[in-house]
Protein backbone atom coordinates (compact mmCIF):
# COMPACT_ATOMS: atom_id res chain seq x y z
CA MET A 1 37.73 56.88 21.94
CA LYS A 2 41.29 57.42 23.09
CA THR A 3 42.53 55.23 25.89
CA LYS A 4 43.90 57.07 28.90
CA ILE A 5 45.91 55.64 31.75
CA ILE A 6 46.94 56.36 35.30
CA ILE A 7 50.31 56.18 36.99
CA GLY A 8 51.06 53.80 39.79
CA LEU A 9 51.47 50.34 41.17
CA LEU A 10 49.39 48.26 43.51
CA THR A 11 51.57 46.01 45.63
CA GLY A 12 50.61 42.36 45.65
CA CYS A 13 47.93 42.35 42.96
CA PHE A 14 46.98 43.54 39.50
CA MET A 15 45.81 47.10 38.90
CA VAL A 16 43.72 47.57 35.77
CA ILE A 17 44.44 50.86 34.03
CA SER A 18 41.28 52.73 33.13
CA SER A 19 40.02 56.10 31.93
CA LEU A 20 41.85 58.60 34.11
CA GLY A 21 44.07 61.37 32.80
CA ILE A 22 47.85 61.46 32.76
CA SER A 23 50.26 64.33 32.26
CA SER A 24 53.98 64.72 31.90
CA LEU A 25 55.76 65.33 35.17
CA GLY A 26 58.18 67.73 33.54
CA VAL A 27 61.15 66.38 35.48
CA PHE A 28 63.54 66.23 32.54
CA SER A 29 64.18 68.64 29.70
CA PRO A 30 62.43 67.49 26.50
CA ASP A 31 64.12 67.29 23.15
CA LEU A 32 62.39 69.99 21.10
CA SER A 33 63.48 68.36 17.83
CA ALA A 34 61.88 65.06 18.80
CA GLN A 35 60.44 62.61 16.30
CA GLU A 36 56.66 62.61 16.71
CA TYR A 37 54.90 59.36 17.50
CA PRO A 38 51.14 59.97 17.09
CA ALA A 39 48.74 58.06 19.29
CA VAL A 40 47.62 54.71 17.87
CA GLU A 41 44.96 52.17 18.74
CA GLU A 42 45.86 49.52 21.29
CA ASN A 43 47.22 46.07 20.46
CA VAL A 44 49.74 47.10 17.80
CA SER A 45 51.64 44.61 15.67
CA PHE A 46 55.36 43.97 15.50
CA GLU A 47 55.28 45.30 11.93
CA GLN A 48 53.89 48.61 13.17
CA VAL A 49 56.85 48.92 15.54
CA LEU A 50 59.35 48.14 12.78
CA ALA A 51 57.80 50.79 10.52
CA LEU A 52 58.47 53.66 12.95
CA ALA A 53 61.05 56.36 12.31
CA THR A 54 63.97 56.42 14.72
CA ARG A 55 67.01 58.47 15.64
CA GLU A 56 70.50 57.07 15.28
CA PRO A 57 72.26 56.14 18.51
CA ARG A 58 75.13 58.31 19.68
CA ALA A 59 77.49 55.37 20.16
CA GLU A 60 77.88 51.60 20.13
CA ILE A 61 79.60 50.52 23.34
CA ALA A 62 80.98 47.03 23.91
CA TYR A 63 80.67 45.41 27.31
CA GLY A 64 82.53 42.20 26.38
CA ASP A 65 84.78 40.65 23.76
CA ASP A 66 82.16 38.77 21.73
CA PRO A 67 80.84 40.73 18.70
CA LEU A 68 77.31 40.45 20.14
CA GLN A 69 78.27 41.87 23.53
CA TYR A 70 77.49 45.53 22.97
CA GLY A 71 74.80 48.11 23.51
CA LEU A 72 73.51 51.04 21.47
CA LEU A 73 73.60 54.31 23.41
CA TRP A 74 71.17 57.19 22.95
CA THR A 75 71.50 60.40 24.95
CA PRO A 76 69.12 63.36 25.14
CA ASP A 77 69.86 66.82 23.80
CA THR A 78 70.33 68.48 27.16
CA ALA A 79 73.29 69.76 29.14
CA GLU A 80 72.10 68.02 32.28
CA ALA A 81 73.39 64.63 33.38
CA ALA A 82 70.68 62.24 32.22
CA PRO A 83 69.22 59.32 34.15
CA LEU A 84 69.88 55.96 32.51
CA VAL A 85 67.43 53.38 31.19
CA ILE A 86 68.99 50.06 30.26
CA LEU A 87 66.82 48.29 27.67
CA ILE A 88 66.84 44.54 27.10
CA HIS A 89 65.01 43.62 23.91
CA GLY A 90 62.81 40.58 23.54
CA GLY A 91 62.32 38.05 20.78
CA CYS A 92 61.82 34.72 22.57
CA TRP A 93 65.58 34.57 23.27
CA LEU A 94 66.06 33.73 19.56
CA ASN A 95 68.85 35.18 17.41
CA SER A 96 66.34 35.89 14.64
CA PHE A 97 65.28 38.97 16.65
CA ASP A 98 67.99 41.53 17.32
CA VAL A 99 68.48 44.84 19.10
CA ASN A 100 67.27 46.92 16.16
CA HIS A 101 63.58 46.54 16.95
CA SER A 102 64.25 48.45 20.19
CA ARG A 103 65.22 51.58 18.26
CA PRO A 104 61.79 53.29 18.33
CA LEU A 105 61.45 52.88 22.08
CA ALA A 106 65.04 53.98 22.69
CA SER A 107 64.59 56.99 20.43
CA ALA A 108 61.42 58.09 22.18
CA LEU A 109 62.86 57.66 25.67
CA SER A 110 65.97 59.64 24.76
CA GLN A 111 63.75 62.41 23.42
CA ALA A 112 61.96 62.38 26.77
CA GLY A 113 65.21 63.13 28.61
CA PHE A 114 66.69 59.72 29.36
CA ALA A 115 69.98 58.20 28.34
CA VAL A 116 69.21 54.77 26.91
CA TRP A 117 71.60 51.83 26.56
CA SER A 118 69.89 49.11 24.54
CA LEU A 119 71.74 45.83 24.90
CA GLU A 120 72.51 43.23 22.31
CA TYR A 121 73.47 39.81 23.62
CA ARG A 122 74.04 36.22 22.55
CA ARG A 123 70.76 34.37 22.01
CA THR A 124 69.53 30.89 21.15
CA GLY A 125 71.29 29.99 17.90
CA ASP A 126 74.44 31.99 18.68
CA PRO A 127 77.63 30.36 19.96
CA GLY A 128 77.47 30.75 23.72
CA GLY A 129 73.81 31.78 23.63
CA GLY A 130 70.91 30.10 25.39
CA TRP A 131 70.93 29.18 29.05
CA PRO A 132 73.03 30.26 30.92
CA GLY A 133 75.19 32.25 28.47
CA THR A 134 72.46 34.72 27.54
CA LEU A 135 71.88 35.69 31.16
CA ALA A 136 75.64 35.88 31.73
CA ASP A 137 75.82 38.50 28.97
CA ILE A 138 73.19 40.68 30.63
CA ARG A 139 74.90 40.38 34.00
CA LEU A 140 78.21 41.31 32.41
CA ALA A 141 76.70 44.40 30.78
CA LEU A 142 75.17 45.56 34.06
CA SER A 143 78.57 45.26 35.72
CA ARG A 144 80.19 47.62 33.21
CA LEU A 145 78.09 50.75 33.26
CA ASP A 146 81.23 52.80 33.89
CA ARG A 147 82.02 52.40 30.17
CA LEU A 148 79.09 54.65 29.29
CA ASN A 149 80.69 57.85 30.58
CA ARG A 150 83.98 57.52 28.72
CA GLY A 151 85.21 59.54 25.77
CA GLU A 152 82.89 62.10 24.21
CA ASN A 153 79.66 60.61 25.48
CA GLN A 154 77.39 62.96 27.33
CA SER A 155 77.48 62.69 31.10
CA ILE A 156 75.08 60.08 32.45
CA ASP A 157 73.80 60.08 36.01
CA LEU A 158 74.59 56.55 37.18
CA SER A 159 72.91 57.23 40.51
CA ARG A 160 69.57 57.16 38.68
CA VAL A 161 69.31 53.87 36.78
CA ALA A 162 66.39 51.67 35.71
CA VAL A 163 66.42 48.41 33.77
CA ALA A 164 63.48 47.67 31.45
CA GLY A 165 63.20 44.40 29.57
CA HIS A 166 60.50 43.41 27.10
CA SER A 167 59.11 39.87 26.84
CA ALA A 168 62.08 37.45 27.02
CA GLY A 169 64.14 40.56 27.77
CA GLY A 170 61.86 41.09 30.76
CA HIS A 171 62.74 37.61 31.97
CA LEU A 172 66.43 38.51 31.69
CA ALA A 173 65.93 41.86 33.41
CA LEU A 174 64.22 40.24 36.39
CA MET A 175 66.90 37.54 36.62
CA ALA A 176 69.83 39.97 36.37
CA GLY A 177 68.40 42.84 38.39
CA GLN A 178 70.29 41.91 41.55
CA GLU A 179 73.48 42.95 39.76
CA LEU A 180 72.39 46.56 40.30
CA PRO A 181 71.42 46.84 43.98
CA ALA A 182 71.09 50.63 43.71
CA ALA A 183 68.79 50.52 40.66
CA ARG A 184 65.58 52.44 41.20
CA ALA A 185 63.47 50.07 39.10
CA ILE A 186 63.69 46.71 37.36
CA ILE A 187 60.74 46.73 34.98
CA GLY A 188 59.34 43.69 33.22
CA LEU A 189 57.39 44.79 30.14
CA ALA A 190 55.10 41.93 29.07
CA ALA A 191 57.75 39.84 30.80
CA ILE A 192 58.02 36.07 30.94
CA VAL A 193 57.79 35.76 34.71
CA ASP A 194 57.28 32.03 35.35
CA MET A 195 59.66 30.11 33.11
CA GLU A 196 58.30 26.71 34.01
CA SER A 197 54.63 27.35 33.31
CA TYR A 198 55.43 29.43 30.23
CA SER A 199 57.47 26.63 28.64
CA LEU A 200 54.43 24.34 28.69
CA GLY A 201 52.41 26.52 26.30
CA ASN A 202 51.86 26.04 22.59
CA ASN A 203 52.51 29.39 20.92
CA SER A 204 55.78 29.91 19.03
CA CYS A 205 57.44 31.90 21.82
CA GLN A 206 56.48 29.35 24.45
CA GLN A 207 57.91 26.64 22.22
CA ALA A 208 61.18 28.59 22.09
CA ALA A 209 61.64 28.26 25.85
CA PRO A 210 62.89 24.64 25.75
CA LEU A 211 65.26 25.63 22.93
CA PHE A 212 66.64 28.36 25.15
CA MET A 213 66.98 26.00 28.10
CA GLY A 214 68.42 23.15 26.02
CA ALA A 215 65.83 20.61 27.22
CA PRO A 216 62.09 20.33 27.93
CA LEU A 217 60.85 20.96 31.46
CA GLU A 218 60.23 17.32 32.33
CA GLN A 219 63.89 16.52 31.64
CA ALA A 220 65.46 19.46 33.47
CA ARG A 221 63.23 20.68 36.31
CA ASP A 222 66.16 21.79 38.48
CA LEU A 223 67.61 23.77 35.58
CA TYR A 224 64.28 25.49 34.91
CA ALA A 225 63.96 26.40 38.58
CA MET A 226 67.35 28.13 38.39
CA ALA A 227 66.13 30.11 35.35
CA ASN A 228 62.74 30.97 36.83
CA PRO A 229 62.31 34.51 38.22
CA VAL A 230 59.53 33.46 40.59
CA LYS A 231 61.91 31.00 42.26
CA GLN A 232 64.85 33.39 42.59
CA PRO A 233 65.52 36.38 44.86
CA LEU A 234 64.51 39.45 42.88
CA HIS A 235 65.56 43.06 43.17
CA PRO A 236 63.29 44.79 45.72
CA GLN A 237 62.38 47.47 43.14
CA SER A 238 61.13 44.92 40.59
CA LEU A 239 57.74 45.54 39.01
CA LEU A 240 55.67 44.40 36.06
CA LEU A 241 53.77 46.30 33.36
CA HIS A 242 51.52 44.05 31.31
CA GLY A 243 48.82 44.18 28.67
CA GLY A 244 45.43 42.66 29.29
CA SER A 245 45.16 41.65 25.61
CA ASP A 246 48.60 40.06 25.35
CA ASP A 247 48.28 36.68 23.62
CA ILE A 248 52.03 36.01 23.40
CA VAL A 249 52.85 36.35 27.10
CA SER A 250 49.45 36.17 28.77
CA LEU A 251 48.75 37.38 32.29
CA ASP A 252 47.65 33.95 33.43
CA HIS A 253 51.08 32.33 33.08
CA PHE A 254 52.08 33.64 36.54
CA GLU A 255 50.42 34.25 39.89
CA ALA A 256 48.87 37.69 40.34
CA ASN A 257 50.71 38.47 43.57
CA VAL A 258 54.23 37.57 42.48
CA LEU A 259 55.28 41.24 41.99
CA PRO A 260 53.66 44.67 41.94
CA THR A 261 51.86 44.67 38.59
CA SER A 262 50.05 47.29 36.53
CA VAL A 263 47.85 46.24 33.63
CA VAL A 264 46.74 48.27 30.62
CA SER A 265 43.55 46.41 29.88
CA GLY A 266 43.48 46.72 26.08
CA ALA A 267 47.23 46.57 25.40
CA GLY A 268 48.84 43.79 23.43
CA HIS A 269 52.33 42.38 23.55
CA PHE A 270 54.07 45.01 21.42
CA ASP A 271 52.36 48.11 22.81
CA TRP A 272 55.20 48.54 25.33
CA ILE A 273 57.77 49.16 22.58
CA HIS A 274 55.61 51.45 20.42
CA PRO A 275 55.85 55.10 21.57
CA GLY A 276 52.36 55.96 20.34
CA THR A 277 50.47 53.73 22.77
CA ALA A 278 48.83 54.13 26.16
CA ALA A 279 51.17 51.41 27.43
CA TYR A 280 54.20 53.49 26.47
CA ARG A 281 52.78 56.47 28.32
CA LEU A 282 52.49 54.37 31.47
CA LEU A 283 56.10 53.23 31.05
CA LEU A 284 57.26 56.80 30.51
CA ASN A 285 55.54 58.10 33.61
CA THR A 286 56.78 55.15 35.66
CA LEU A 287 60.34 56.03 34.64
CA HIS A 288 59.79 59.72 35.42
CA ASN A 289 58.54 58.77 38.87
CA ARG A 290 61.32 56.32 39.64
CA LEU A 291 64.22 58.35 38.19
CA ALA A 292 63.30 61.83 39.40
CA PRO A 293 66.23 63.70 41.06
């Protein structure tokens, strides 16, 4: 049976997504030549994401001088100025996972009428990567959105901007969101919300947290507090979308009332970056709602 979802957020607690219908809001002009992403069962694998067909980005735009300080830009096939989604990929902050696994999500969102700037950045294992250099890269990128409308790039409506980060990228999105006070949404997709509690876990991504921070929690509690979204002032439009079957970043690593949170009960960790899932459809409708003219 196909999973269906509803749109919306419930402030202060989790909302479990169940069997109610959803339809496109029709706010933006669709790309009629779009790559099709058929519906798939929930809890997809990373390999399923990597196997998807994608469109090539329109441009690669640097936001800094380091070779890793750039973003891939997709724009929709429409004459209208497109709202912007800034994507921050995940991968446990490790340099073994790069921006390229964001291509299916960026392709699908551009086909749905959004301009998409998917950021690369220095990660653990890169010179200058790890804490705090990785976050500094994201903050730098968010301060240079004016670069997106230069040259032959299609006009982008910078009055309608959302930031969406997946997993460790969600952690970075939440931490950097204050750089864009006018952003309409800062969205954590399966985000690492509580850095301190997450770093105490045993899975491979949890074990990467001390590598990112440069020390285990017991040796650097003040440092972890500085890197912890739940202990920092967050953008007022911050929200979380999470999967109830996520075993990489589980729901129980943070308190339920930390931010408005919507849960797709059967979704796994990678459903948010696969355009054939119920989780993606929730993300898409959230963006339509937040970035409507």
